[in-house]
Amino acid sequence: MTMTKTYLKIFFLSAVFLISCEKKNKDFDVKVTRQTSGGYGYQILKNKKILINQPYIPAIQGEKTFKNETDAHKTAELVMSKIHRYSLPKVSIHELDSMKIEY
């Protein structure tokens, strides 16, 4: 009987933890933007306000846009994961290459 109570407590605490994490993630959103010069960029929003506006591919010299929406979205998701880990949201060329981002 005590084992059942222990498992129920663990289950309840895990559910509370997952729900609290889910709420934090809902504060952020990714928006892929079409650039006037052609190509794509992205914005990261927090509570529907722009936190990061990235019209060009980060880590690349010059002003080059993403060639497609998928590449922009993958890069934005990488940046979001860094924000959630409280890490600097910078992107390296190595990370772009590992995600097979065309530039």
PDB file of N, CA and C in Angstrom:
ATOM      1  N   MET A   1       0.814  -1.187   0.000  1.00  0.00           N
ATOM      2  CA  MET A   1       0.000   0.000   0.000  1.00  0.00           C
ATOM      3  C   MET A   1       0.868   1.265   0.000  1.00  0.00           C
ATOM      4  N   THR A   2       1.965   1.263   0.775  1.00  0.00           N
ATOM      5  CA  THR A   2       2.832   2.436   0.814  1.00  0.00           C
ATOM      6  C   THR A   2       3.559   2.624  -0.510  1.00  0.00           C
ATOM      7  N   MET A   3       3.831   1.531  -1.207  1.00  0.00           N
ATOM      8  CA  MET A   3       4.468   1.636  -2.525  1.00  0.00           C
ATOM      9  C   MET A   3       3.527   2.349  -3.497  1.00  0.00           C
ATOM     10  N   THR A   4       2.247   2.028  -3.418  1.00  0.00           N
ATOM     11  CA  THR A   4       1.264   2.663  -4.289  1.00  0.00           C
ATOM     12  C   THR A   4       1.195   4.155  -4.003  1.00  0.00           C
ATOM     13  N   LYS A   5       1.209   4.532  -2.745  1.00  0.00           N
ATOM     14  CA  LYS A   5       1.176   5.942  -2.375  1.00  0.00           C
ATOM     15  C   LYS A   5       2.427   6.661  -2.875  1.00  0.00           C
ATOM     16  N   THR A   6       3.555   6.010  -2.776  1.00  0.00           N
ATOM     17  CA  THR A   6       4.809   6.600  -3.251  1.00  0.00           C
ATOM     18  C   THR A   6       4.751   6.822  -4.756  1.00  0.00           C
ATOM     19  N   TYR A   7       4.282   5.829  -5.490  1.00  0.00           N
ATOM     20  CA  TYR A   7       4.167   5.973  -6.946  1.00  0.00           C
ATOM     21  C   TYR A   7       3.180   7.072  -7.328  1.00  0.00           C
ATOM     22  N   LEU A   8       2.080   7.170  -6.590  1.00  0.00           N
ATOM     23  CA  LEU A   8       1.102   8.220  -6.861  1.00  0.00           C
ATOM     24  C   LEU A   8       1.697   9.605  -6.603  1.00  0.00           C
ATOM     25  N   LYS A   9       2.484   9.737  -5.546  1.00  0.00           N
ATOM     26  CA  LYS A   9       3.132  11.013  -5.259  1.00  0.00           C
ATOM     27  C   LYS A   9       4.114  11.381  -6.370  1.00  0.00           C
ATOM     28  N   ILE A  10       4.901  10.414  -6.804  1.00  0.00           N
ATOM     29  CA  ILE A  10       5.866  10.660  -7.883  1.00  0.00           C
ATOM     30  C   ILE A  10       5.132  11.045  -9.159  1.00  0.00           C
ATOM     31  N   PHE A  11       4.074  10.344  -9.475  1.00  0.00           N
ATOM     32  CA  PHE A  11       3.292  10.654 -10.668  1.00  0.00           C
ATOM     33  C   PHE A  11       2.713  12.059 -10.590  1.00  0.00           C
ATOM     34  N   PHE A  12       2.141  12.413  -9.443  1.00  0.00           N
ATOM     35  CA  PHE A  12       1.546  13.731  -9.261  1.00  0.00           C
ATOM     36  C   PHE A  12       2.599  14.831  -9.401  1.00  0.00           C
ATOM     37  N   LEU A  13       3.744  14.671  -8.762  1.00  0.00           N
ATOM     38  CA  LEU A  13       4.806  15.678  -8.840  1.00  0.00           C
ATOM     39  C   LEU A  13       5.347  15.799 -10.261  1.00  0.00           C
ATOM     40  N   SER A  14       5.468  14.685 -10.959  1.00  0.00           N
ATOM     41  CA  SER A  14       5.923  14.720 -12.355  1.00  0.00           C
ATOM     42  C   SER A  14       4.929  15.472 -13.235  1.00  0.00           C
ATOM     43  N   ALA A  15       3.652  15.239 -13.012  1.00  0.00           N
ATOM     44  CA  ALA A  15       2.629  15.925 -13.799  1.00  0.00           C
ATOM     45  C   ALA A  15       2.660  17.423 -13.542  1.00  0.00           C
ATOM     46  N   VAL A  16       2.810  17.825 -12.293  1.00  0.00           N
ATOM     47  CA  VAL A  16       2.889  19.249 -11.957  1.00  0.00           C
ATOM     48  C   VAL A  16       4.108  19.877 -12.628  1.00  0.00           C
ATOM     49  N   PHE A  17       5.238  19.190 -12.587  1.00  0.00           N
ATOM     50  CA  PHE A  17       6.460  19.690 -13.211  1.00  0.00           C
ATOM     51  C   PHE A  17       6.279  19.853 -14.718  1.00  0.00           C
ATOM     52  N   LEU A  18       5.702  18.859 -15.371  1.00  0.00           N
ATOM     53  CA  LEU A  18       5.501  18.934 -16.824  1.00  0.00           C
ATOM     54  C   LEU A  18       4.543  20.051 -17.200  1.00  0.00           C
ATOM     55  N   ILE A  19       3.512  20.245 -16.420  1.00  0.00           N
ATOM     56  CA  ILE A  19       2.557  21.319 -16.704  1.00  0.00           C
ATOM     57  C   ILE A  19       3.225  22.675 -16.548  1.00  0.00           C
ATOM     58  N   SER A  20       4.051  22.825 -15.511  1.00  0.00           N
ATOM     59  CA  SER A  20       4.734  24.117 -15.320  1.00  0.00           C
ATOM     60  C   SER A  20       5.725  24.389 -16.440  1.00  0.00           C
ATOM     61  N   CYS A  21       6.395  23.368 -16.930  1.00  0.00           N
ATOM     62  CA  CYS A  21       7.315  23.547 -18.064  1.00  0.00           C
ATOM     63  C   CYS A  21       6.552  23.900 -19.326  1.00  0.00           C
ATOM     64  N   GLU A  22       5.401  23.299 -19.512  1.00  0.00           N
ATOM     65  CA  GLU A  22       4.598  23.569 -20.703  1.00  0.00           C
ATOM     66  C   GLU A  22       4.151  25.027 -20.736  1.00  0.00           C
ATOM     67  N   LYS A  23       3.798  25.580 -19.608  1.00  0.00           N
ATOM     68  CA  LYS A  23       3.370  26.970 -19.559  1.00  0.00           C
ATOM     69  C   LYS A  23       4.501  27.901 -19.970  1.00  0.00           C
ATOM     70  N   LYS A  24       5.730  27.602 -19.551  1.00  0.00           N
ATOM     71  CA  LYS A  24       6.861  28.445 -19.913  1.00  0.00           C
ATOM     72  C   LYS A  24       7.082  28.432 -21.424  1.00  0.00           C
ATOM     73  N   ASN A  25       6.951  27.270 -22.046  1.00  0.00           N
ATOM     74  CA  ASN A  25       7.176  27.167 -23.476  1.00  0.00           C
ATOM     75  C   ASN A  25       6.110  27.906 -24.275  1.00  0.00           C
ATOM     76  N   LYS A  26       4.921  28.039 -23.740  1.00  0.00           N
ATOM     77  CA  LYS A  26       3.851  28.710 -24.469  1.00  0.00           C
ATOM     78  C   LYS A  26       4.063  30.213 -24.522  1.00  0.00           C
ATOM     79  N   ASP A  27       4.930  30.745 -23.653  1.00  0.00           N
ATOM     80  CA  ASP A  27       5.211  32.174 -23.672  1.00  0.00           C
ATOM     81  C   ASP A  27       5.992  32.552 -24.931  1.00  0.00           C
ATOM     82  N   PHE A  28       6.712  31.601 -25.502  1.00  0.00           N
ATOM     83  CA  PHE A  28       7.546  31.848 -26.670  1.00  0.00           C
ATOM     84  C   PHE A  28       6.873  31.315 -27.927  1.00  0.00           C
ATOM     85  N   ASP A  29       7.157  31.985 -29.038  1.00  0.00           N
ATOM     86  CA  ASP A  29       6.620  31.535 -30.311  1.00  0.00           C
ATOM     87  C   ASP A  29       7.629  31.876 -31.404  1.00  0.00           C
ATOM     88  N   VAL A  30       7.594  31.126 -32.489  1.00  0.00           N
ATOM     89  CA  VAL A  30       8.468  31.363 -33.639  1.00  0.00           C
ATOM     90  C   VAL A  30       7.616  31.807 -34.807  1.00  0.00           C
ATOM     91  N   LYS A  31       8.081  32.833 -35.499  1.00  0.00           N
ATOM     92  CA  LYS A  31       7.385  33.310 -36.693  1.00  0.00           C
ATOM     93  C   LYS A  31       8.416  33.409 -37.819  1.00  0.00           C
ATOM     94  N   VAL A  32       8.191  32.676 -38.896  1.00  0.00           N
ATOM     95  CA  VAL A  32       9.057  32.769 -40.081  1.00  0.00           C
ATOM     96  C   VAL A  32       8.564  33.957 -40.898  1.00  0.00           C
ATOM     97  N   THR A  33       9.505  34.808 -41.302  1.00  0.00           N
ATOM     98  CA  THR A  33       9.139  36.029 -42.032  1.00  0.00           C
ATOM     99  C   THR A  33       9.682  35.991 -43.452  1.00  0.00           C
ATOM    100  N   ARG A  34       8.897  36.506 -44.371  1.00  0.00           N
ATOM    101  CA  ARG A  34       9.323  36.646 -45.767  1.00  0.00           C
ATOM    102  C   ARG A  34      10.007  38.007 -45.886  1.00  0.00           C
ATOM    103  N   GLN A  35      11.220  38.028 -46.415  1.00  0.00           N
ATOM    104  CA  GLN A  35      11.986  39.269 -46.532  1.00  0.00           C
ATOM    105  C   GLN A  35      11.695  39.948 -47.867  1.00  0.00           C
ATOM    106  N   THR A  36      11.714  41.271 -47.879  1.00  0.00           N
ATOM    107  CA  THR A  36      11.425  42.021 -49.101  1.00  0.00           C
ATOM    108  C   THR A  36      12.494  41.782 -50.159  1.00  0.00           C
ATOM    109  N   SER A  37      13.704  41.469 -49.730  1.00  0.00           N
ATOM    110  CA  SER A  37      14.789  41.194 -50.677  1.00  0.00           C
ATOM    111  C   SER A  37      14.744  39.762 -51.199  1.00  0.00           C
ATOM    112  N   GLY A  38      13.754  39.004 -50.772  1.00  0.00           N
ATOM    113  CA  GLY A  38      13.657  37.598 -51.141  1.00  0.00           C
ATOM    114  C   GLY A  38      14.226  36.747 -50.029  1.00  0.00           C
ATOM    115  N   GLY A  39      13.804  35.523 -49.932  1.00  0.00           N
ATOM    116  CA  GLY A  39      14.281  34.641 -48.880  1.00  0.00           C
ATOM    117  C   GLY A  39      13.468  34.810 -47.600  1.00  0.00           C
ATOM    118  N   TYR A  40      13.990  34.208 -46.519  1.00  0.00           N
ATOM    119  CA  TYR A  40      13.250  34.159 -45.265  1.00  0.00           C
ATOM    120  C   TYR A  40      14.138  34.527 -44.090  1.00  0.00           C
ATOM    121  N   GLY A  41      13.502  34.959 -43.025  1.00  0.00           N
ATOM    122  CA  GLY A  41      14.136  35.218 -41.746  1.00  0.00           C
ATOM    123  C   GLY A  41      13.214  34.654 -40.672  1.00  0.00           C
ATOM    124  N   TYR A  42      13.472  35.013 -39.429  1.00  0.00           N
ATOM    125  CA  TYR A  42      12.579  34.562 -38.359  1.00  0.00           C
ATOM    126  C   TYR A  42      12.533  35.571 -37.224  1.00  0.00           C
ATOM    127  N   GLN A  43      11.484  35.454 -36.448  1.00  0.00           N
ATOM    128  CA  GLN A  43      11.325  36.240 -35.240  1.00  0.00           C
ATOM    129  C   GLN A  43      11.006  35.282 -34.104  1.00  0.00           C
ATOM    130  N   ILE A  44      11.551  35.577 -32.936  1.00  0.00           N
ATOM    131  CA  ILE A  44      11.187  34.849 -31.737  1.00  0.00           C
ATOM    132  C   ILE A  44      10.407  35.829 -30.875  1.00  0.00           C
ATOM    133  N   LEU A  45       9.200  35.401 -30.519  1.00  0.00           N
ATOM    134  CA  LEU A  45       8.299  36.264 -29.761  1.00  0.00           C
ATOM    135  C   LEU A  45       8.144  35.729 -28.344  1.00  0.00           C
ATOM    136  N   LYS A  46       8.057  36.640 -27.407  1.00  0.00           N
ATOM    137  CA  LYS A  46       7.743  36.264 -26.027  1.00  0.00           C
ATOM    138  C   LYS A  46       6.525  37.072 -25.623  1.00  0.00           C
ATOM    139  N   ASN A  47       5.482  36.358 -25.221  1.00  0.00           N
ATOM    140  CA  ASN A  47       4.204  37.000 -24.890  1.00  0.00           C
ATOM    141  C   ASN A  47       3.736  37.901 -26.033  1.00  0.00           C
ATOM    142  N   LYS A  48       3.903  37.414 -27.265  1.00  0.00           N
ATOM    143  CA  LYS A  48       3.470  38.086 -28.493  1.00  0.00           C
ATOM    144  C   LYS A  48       4.237  39.374 -28.805  1.00  0.00           C
ATOM    145  N   LYS A  49       5.370  39.591 -28.129  1.00  0.00           N
ATOM    146  CA  LYS A  49       6.236  40.735 -28.432  1.00  0.00           C
ATOM    147  C   LYS A  49       7.547  40.208 -28.996  1.00  0.00           C
ATOM    148  N   ILE A  50       8.104  40.922 -29.978  1.00  0.00           N
ATOM    149  CA  ILE A  50       9.331  40.473 -30.630  1.00  0.00           C
ATOM    150  C   ILE A  50      10.491  40.544 -29.645  1.00  0.00           C
ATOM    151  N   LEU A  51      11.102  39.393 -29.412  1.00  0.00           N
ATOM    152  CA  LEU A  51      12.292  39.303 -28.571  1.00  0.00           C
ATOM    153  C   LEU A  51      13.540  39.333 -29.450  1.00  0.00           C
ATOM    154  N   ILE A  52      13.508  38.576 -30.550  1.00  0.00           N
ATOM    155  CA  ILE A  52      14.616  38.525 -31.506  1.00  0.00           C
ATOM    156  C   ILE A  52      14.040  38.652 -32.907  1.00  0.00           C
ATOM    157  N   ASN A  53      14.582  39.569 -33.678  1.00  0.00           N
ATOM    158  CA  ASN A  53      14.225  39.705 -35.083  1.00  0.00           C
ATOM    159  C   ASN A  53      15.474  39.378 -35.886  1.00  0.00           C
ATOM    160  N   GLN A  54      15.449  38.273 -36.611  1.00  0.00           N
ATOM    161  CA  GLN A  54      16.618  37.810 -37.354  1.00  0.00           C
ATOM    162  C   GLN A  54      16.267  37.717 -38.838  1.00  0.00           C
ATOM    163  N   PRO A  55      16.454  38.813 -39.591  1.00  0.00           N
ATOM    164  CA  PRO A  55      16.096  38.784 -41.003  1.00  0.00           C
ATOM    165  C   PRO A  55      17.123  38.044 -41.872  1.00  0.00           C
ATOM    166  N   TYR A  56      18.320  37.820 -41.336  1.00  0.00           N
ATOM    167  CA  TYR A  56      19.394  37.180 -42.103  1.00  0.00           C
ATOM    168  C   TYR A  56      19.921  35.959 -41.362  1.00  0.00           C
ATOM    169  N   ILE A  57      20.657  35.131 -42.083  1.00  0.00           N
ATOM    170  CA  ILE A  57      21.247  33.940 -41.476  1.00  0.00           C
ATOM    171  C   ILE A  57      22.319  34.376 -40.477  1.00  0.00           C
ATOM    172  N   PRO A  58      22.204  33.951 -39.216  1.00  0.00           N
ATOM    173  CA  PRO A  58      23.225  34.327 -38.238  1.00  0.00           C
ATOM    174  C   PRO A  58      24.545  33.589 -38.511  1.00  0.00           C
ATOM    175  N   ALA A  59      25.639  34.188 -38.094  1.00  0.00           N
ATOM    176  CA  ALA A  59      26.992  33.619 -38.198  1.00  0.00           C
ATOM    177  C   ALA A  59      27.576  33.700 -39.607  1.00  0.00           C
ATOM    178  N   ILE A  60      26.810  34.158 -40.564  1.00  0.00           N
ATOM    179  CA  ILE A  60      27.275  34.264 -41.945  1.00  0.00           C
ATOM    180  C   ILE A  60      27.610  35.726 -42.222  1.00  0.00           C
ATOM    181  N   GLN A  61      28.762  35.941 -42.812  1.00  0.00           N
ATOM    182  CA  GLN A  61      29.147  37.309 -43.137  1.00  0.00           C
ATOM    183  C   GLN A  61      28.267  37.847 -44.268  1.00  0.00           C
ATOM    184  N   GLY A  62      27.850  39.068 -44.140  1.00  0.00           N
ATOM    185  CA  GLY A  62      26.968  39.671 -45.133  1.00  0.00           C
ATOM    186  C   GLY A  62      25.516  39.497 -44.745  1.00  0.00           C
ATOM    187  N   GLU A  63      24.653  39.958 -45.591  1.00  0.00           N
ATOM    188  CA  GLU A  63      23.213  39.903 -45.330  1.00  0.00           C
ATOM    189  C   GLU A  63      22.559  38.885 -46.250  1.00  0.00           C
ATOM    190  N   LYS A  64      22.671  37.620 -45.885  1.00  0.00           N
ATOM    191  CA  LYS A  64      22.087  36.540 -46.674  1.00  0.00           C
ATOM    192  C   LYS A  64      20.861  36.004 -45.948  1.00  0.00           C
ATOM    193  N   THR A  65      19.772  35.886 -46.686  1.00  0.00           N
ATOM    194  CA  THR A  65      18.539  35.358 -46.097  1.00  0.00           C
ATOM    195  C   THR A  65      18.516  33.833 -46.228  1.00  0.00           C
ATOM    196  N   PHE A  66      17.645  33.207 -45.457  1.00  0.00           N
ATOM    197  CA  PHE A  66      17.447  31.766 -45.576  1.00  0.00           C
ATOM    198  C   PHE A  66      16.779  31.479 -46.908  1.00  0.00           C
ATOM    199  N   LYS A  67      17.152  30.370 -47.534  1.00  0.00           N
ATOM    200  CA  LYS A  67      16.606  30.038 -48.851  1.00  0.00           C
ATOM    201  C   LYS A  67      15.197  29.474 -48.779  1.00  0.00           C
ATOM    202  N   ASN A  68      14.829  28.922 -47.613  1.00  0.00           N
ATOM    203  CA  ASN A  68      13.476  28.380 -47.481  1.00  0.00           C
ATOM    204  C   ASN A  68      12.981  28.516 -46.040  1.00  0.00           C
ATOM    205  N   GLU A  69      11.684  28.341 -45.877  1.00  0.00           N
ATOM    206  CA  GLU A  69      11.051  28.486 -44.564  1.00  0.00           C
ATOM    207  C   GLU A  69      11.548  27.448 -43.571  1.00  0.00           C
ATOM    208  N   THR A  70      11.814  26.246 -44.066  1.00  0.00           N
ATOM    209  CA  THR A  70      12.250  25.157 -43.188  1.00  0.00           C
ATOM    210  C   THR A  70      13.578  25.487 -42.524  1.00  0.00           C
ATOM    211  N   ASP A  71      14.533  26.016 -43.290  1.00  0.00           N
ATOM    212  CA  ASP A  71      15.833  26.368 -42.719  1.00  0.00           C
ATOM    213  C   ASP A  71      15.692  27.468 -41.670  1.00  0.00           C
ATOM    214  N   ALA A  72      14.858  28.451 -41.959  1.00  0.00           N
ATOM    215  CA  ALA A  72      14.639  29.538 -40.998  1.00  0.00           C
ATOM    216  C   ALA A  72      14.002  28.992 -39.720  1.00  0.00           C
ATOM    217  N   HIS A  73      13.046  28.101 -39.876  1.00  0.00           N
ATOM    218  CA  HIS A  73      12.353  27.548 -38.707  1.00  0.00           C
ATOM    219  C   HIS A  73      13.289  26.667 -37.879  1.00  0.00           C
ATOM    220  N   LYS A  74      14.102  25.838 -38.520  1.00  0.00           N
ATOM    221  CA  LYS A  74      15.047  24.983 -37.790  1.00  0.00           C
ATOM    222  C   LYS A  74      16.023  25.822 -36.972  1.00  0.00           C
ATOM    223  N   THR A  75      16.513  26.908 -37.562  1.00  0.00           N
ATOM    224  CA  THR A  75      17.453  27.770 -36.859  1.00  0.00           C
ATOM    225  C   THR A  75      16.776  28.475 -35.688  1.00  0.00           C
ATOM    226  N   ALA A  76      15.552  28.934 -35.892  1.00  0.00           N
ATOM    227  CA  ALA A  76      14.802  29.572 -34.818  1.00  0.00           C
ATOM    228  C   ALA A  76      14.563  28.602 -33.660  1.00  0.00           C
ATOM    229  N   GLU A  77      14.262  27.355 -33.977  1.00  0.00           N
ATOM    230  CA  GLU A  77      14.055  26.349 -32.931  1.00  0.00           C
ATOM    231  C   GLU A  77      15.342  26.102 -32.151  1.00  0.00           C
ATOM    232  N   LEU A  78      16.488  26.126 -32.820  1.00  0.00           N
ATOM    233  CA  LEU A  78      17.772  25.988 -32.132  1.00  0.00           C
ATOM    234  C   LEU A  78      17.971  27.138 -31.148  1.00  0.00           C
ATOM    235  N   VAL A  79      17.712  28.349 -31.603  1.00  0.00           N
ATOM    236  CA  VAL A  79      17.847  29.529 -30.746  1.00  0.00           C
ATOM    237  C   VAL A  79      16.887  29.435 -29.564  1.00  0.00           C
ATOM    238  N   MET A  80      15.653  28.999 -29.814  1.00  0.00           N
ATOM    239  CA  MET A  80      14.677  28.847 -28.734  1.00  0.00           C
ATOM    240  C   MET A  80      15.152  27.826 -27.704  1.00  0.00           C
ATOM    241  N   SER A  81      15.741  26.732 -28.170  1.00  0.00           N
ATOM    242  CA  SER A  81      16.223  25.718 -27.223  1.00  0.00           C
ATOM    243  C   SER A  81      17.340  26.292 -26.352  1.00  0.00           C
ATOM    244  N   LYS A  82      18.162  27.159 -26.924  1.00  0.00           N
ATOM    245  CA  LYS A  82      19.221  27.793 -26.135  1.00  0.00           C
ATOM    246  C   LYS A  82      18.635  28.765 -25.116  1.00  0.00           C
ATOM    247  N   ILE A  83      17.613  29.484 -25.499  1.00  0.00           N
ATOM    248  CA  ILE A  83      16.957  30.405 -24.569  1.00  0.00           C
ATOM    249  C   ILE A  83      16.358  29.616 -23.398  1.00  0.00           C
ATOM    250  N   HIS A  84      15.730  28.491 -23.688  1.00  0.00           N
ATOM    251  CA  HIS A  84      15.121  27.681 -22.630  1.00  0.00           C
ATOM    252  C   HIS A  84      16.163  27.078 -21.694  1.00  0.00           C
ATOM    253  N   ARG A  85      17.385  26.886 -22.198  1.00  0.00           N
ATOM    254  CA  ARG A  85      18.480  26.363 -21.366  1.00  0.00           C
ATOM    255  C   ARG A  85      19.275  27.491 -20.707  1.00  0.00           C
ATOM    256  N   TYR A  86      18.807  28.727 -20.863  1.00  0.00           N
ATOM    257  CA  TYR A  86      19.483  29.909 -20.321  1.00  0.00           C
ATOM    258  C   TYR A  86      20.908  30.035 -20.860  1.00  0.00           C
ATOM    259  N   SER A  87      21.077  29.658 -22.119  1.00  0.00           N
ATOM    260  CA  SER A  87      22.356  29.760 -22.808  1.00  0.00           C
ATOM    261  C   SER A  87      22.296  30.952 -23.765  1.00  0.00           C
ATOM    262  N   LEU A  88      23.459  31.463 -24.147  1.00  0.00           N
ATOM    263  CA  LEU A  88      23.472  32.563 -25.118  1.00  0.00           C
ATOM    264  C   LEU A  88      22.838  32.086 -26.425  1.00  0.00           C
ATOM    265  N   PRO A  89      21.914  32.852 -26.985  1.00  0.00           N
ATOM    266  CA  PRO A  89      21.225  32.403 -28.200  1.00  0.00           C
ATOM    267  C   PRO A  89      21.997  32.710 -29.481  1.00  0.00           C
ATOM    268  N   LYS A  90      23.287  32.415 -29.482  1.00  0.00           N
ATOM    269  CA  LYS A  90      24.064  32.647 -30.697  1.00  0.00           C
ATOM    270  C   LYS A  90      24.212  31.338 -31.463  1.00  0.00           C
ATOM    271  N   VAL A  91      24.386  31.472 -32.774  1.00  0.00           N
ATOM    272  CA  VAL A  91      24.465  30.312 -33.666  1.00  0.00           C
ATOM    273  C   VAL A  91      25.817  30.325 -34.353  1.00  0.00           C
ATOM    274  N   SER A  92      26.451  29.165 -34.433  1.00  0.00           N
ATOM    275  CA  SER A  92      27.752  29.069 -35.102  1.00  0.00           C
ATOM    276  C   SER A  92      27.593  28.478 -36.501  1.00  0.00           C
ATOM    277  N   ILE A  93      28.603  28.672 -37.307  1.00  0.00           N
ATOM    278  CA  ILE A  93      28.604  28.082 -38.649  1.00  0.00           C
ATOM    279  C   ILE A  93      28.549  26.559 -38.545  1.00  0.00           C
ATOM    280  N   HIS A  94      29.242  26.006 -37.558  1.00  0.00           N
ATOM    281  CA  HIS A  94      29.226  24.556 -37.349  1.00  0.00           C
ATOM    282  C   HIS A  94      27.799  24.052 -37.100  1.00  0.00           C
ATOM    283  N   GLU A  95      27.033  24.795 -36.294  1.00  0.00           N
ATOM    284  CA  GLU A  95      25.643  24.395 -36.028  1.00  0.00           C
ATOM    285  C   GLU A  95      24.797  24.492 -37.292  1.00  0.00           C
ATOM    286  N   LEU A  96      25.011  25.547 -38.088  1.00  0.00           N
ATOM    287  CA  LEU A  96      24.277  25.669 -39.355  1.00  0.00           C
ATOM    288  C   LEU A  96      24.589  24.501 -40.271  1.00  0.00           C
ATOM    289  N   ASP A  97      25.871  24.145 -40.352  1.00  0.00           N
ATOM    290  CA  ASP A  97      26.282  23.017 -41.190  1.00  0.00           C
ATOM    291  C   ASP A  97      25.687  21.696 -40.698  1.00  0.00           C
ATOM    292  N   SER A  98      25.659  21.508 -39.375  1.00  0.00           N
ATOM    293  CA  SER A  98      25.130  20.251 -38.842  1.00  0.00           C
ATOM    294  C   SER A  98      23.624  20.113 -39.076  1.00  0.00           C
ATOM    295  N   MET A  99      22.924  21.266 -39.214  1.00  0.00           N
ATOM    296  CA  MET A  99      21.491  21.217 -39.529  1.00  0.00           C
ATOM    297  C   MET A  99      21.242  21.237 -41.029  1.00  0.00           C
ATOM    298  N   LYS A 100      22.325  21.271 -41.803  1.00  0.00           N
ATOM    299  CA  LYS A 100      22.267  21.290 -43.267  1.00  0.00           C
ATOM    300  C   LYS A 100      21.529  22.526 -43.799  1.00  0.00           C
ATOM    301  N   ILE A 101      21.839  23.682 -43.196  1.00  0.00           N
ATOM    302  CA  ILE A 101      21.266  24.951 -43.626  1.00  0.00           C
ATOM    303  C   ILE A 101      22.059  25.438 -44.832  1.00  0.00           C
ATOM    304  N   GLU A 102      21.365  25.758 -45.916  1.00  0.00           N
ATOM    305  CA  GLU A 102      22.029  26.272 -47.120  1.00  0.00           C
ATOM    306  C   GLU A 102      22.281  27.763 -46.968  1.00  0.00           C
ATOM    307  N   TYR A 103      23.497  28.189 -47.310  1.00  0.00           N
ATOM    308  CA  TYR A 103      23.799  29.621 -47.302  1.00  0.00           C
ATOM    309  C   TYR A 103      24.747  29.967 -48.417  1.00  0.00           C
TER     310      TYR A 103
END
